[in-house]
Structures are given as structure tokens and as C-alpha cells.
Amino acid sequence: MSVLSVAEVVREAAKDELGAEIDVTLVENPRAAETMVEEFSVDTSKAREILSWVPSKCVKMSVQQLLSTQ
């Protein structure tokens, strides 16, 4: 997921869980010159293969759980 996608999930969860309206704005990365790659993808295939690991929750469920404990 992109940072903006995660921010949208948080925005939606804040509305659902807390009744809060928040704005999500994409801003220029002030450290863009220090970044060595364009994308930061996560590959969990080795964890799945070696450890038989599977994620137990999606990002949306995790954010909702975090906000509901507030």
C-alpha cells in the first residue's frame, strides 16, 4: 500500500471509530533527495515459505483496532 492509501484507511477509520473528520493531503517529501528508491514494497513470501507465516489482519482491521482502544 502507498502512504496515501494508508492515510485514507486511517481517515475512514477515524470517521467510523471516532466520528472524527480529518483531511488527508499529499505533500512533497522533504527528504526525497536522500531516498535511494522510488517505491518501498514489502515482500512477505520468504516469511510465508520459511516460517509458514501469514498475516492475521489487514491494514484496515489493524487501524480500526488501534483507534477503538483510544
Protein backbone atom coordinates (compact mmCIF):
# COMPACT_ATOMS: atom_id res chain seq x y z
CA MET A 1 0.00 0.00 0.00
CA SER A 2 1.12 3.52 -0.65
CA VAL A 3 1.44 6.03 2.16
CA LEU A 4 -1.55 7.88 0.73
CA SER A 5 -3.60 4.64 0.72
CA VAL A 6 -2.76 4.03 4.38
CA ALA A 7 -3.65 7.65 5.18
CA GLU A 8 -7.04 7.14 3.50
CA VAL A 9 -7.62 3.99 5.59
CA VAL A 10 -6.80 5.96 8.74
CA ARG A 11 -9.13 8.80 7.63
CA GLU A 12 -12.01 6.38 7.05
CA ALA A 13 -11.37 4.51 10.32
CA ALA A 14 -11.21 7.79 12.28
CA LYS A 15 -14.60 8.73 10.90
CA ASP A 16 -16.10 5.29 11.63
CA GLU A 17 -14.50 4.65 15.03
CA LEU A 18 -14.21 8.17 16.47
CA GLY A 19 -16.65 10.24 14.45
CA ALA A 20 -13.71 12.48 13.53
CA GLU A 21 -13.32 14.14 10.15
CA ILE A 22 -9.69 14.51 9.12
CA ASP A 23 -8.17 15.80 5.90
CA VAL A 24 -5.53 13.84 4.02
CA THR A 25 -3.14 15.90 1.92
CA LEU A 26 -0.25 14.58 -0.12
CA VAL A 27 2.81 16.78 0.42
CA GLU A 28 6.25 16.85 -1.15
CA ASN A 29 8.73 14.56 0.60
CA PRO A 30 11.30 16.90 2.18
CA ARG A 31 13.86 14.07 2.21
CA ALA A 32 13.29 12.97 -1.41
CA ALA A 33 16.94 13.63 -2.29
CA GLU A 34 18.01 11.11 0.38
CA THR A 35 15.74 8.35 -0.89
CA MET A 36 17.54 5.70 -2.91
CA VAL A 37 14.47 4.03 -4.40
CA GLU A 38 11.16 5.20 -5.80
CA GLU A 39 8.99 2.52 -4.15
CA PHE A 40 9.13 0.66 -0.88
CA SER A 41 7.38 -2.61 -1.49
CA VAL A 42 7.12 -5.32 1.13
CA ASP A 43 7.60 -8.93 0.09
CA THR A 44 6.49 -11.43 2.73
CA SER A 45 6.94 -14.51 0.54
CA LYS A 46 10.08 -15.70 2.40
CA ALA A 47 8.32 -15.43 5.76
CA ARG A 48 5.43 -17.40 4.32
CA GLU A 49 7.75 -20.00 2.78
CA ILE A 50 10.23 -20.48 5.64
CA LEU A 51 8.08 -19.73 8.69
CA SER A 52 4.65 -20.62 7.32
CA TRP A 53 3.66 -17.12 8.42
CA VAL A 54 0.51 -15.47 7.20
CA PRO A 55 -0.79 -12.06 8.23
CA SER A 56 -3.64 -12.33 10.69
CA LYS A 57 -5.09 -8.86 9.97
CA CYS A 58 -5.19 -6.42 7.11
CA VAL A 59 -4.12 -2.79 7.48
CA LYS A 60 -7.73 -1.59 7.76
CA MET A 61 -8.52 -4.00 10.62
CA SER A 62 -5.31 -3.07 12.44
CA VAL A 63 -6.03 0.67 12.19
CA GLN A 64 -9.62 0.15 13.36
CA GLN A 65 -8.39 -1.85 16.35
CA LEU A 66 -5.83 0.82 17.26
CA LEU A 67 -8.43 3.58 17.10
CA SER A 68 -11.08 1.66 19.00
CA THR A 69 -8.74 1.35 22.01
CA GLN A 70 -8.43 5.16 22.26
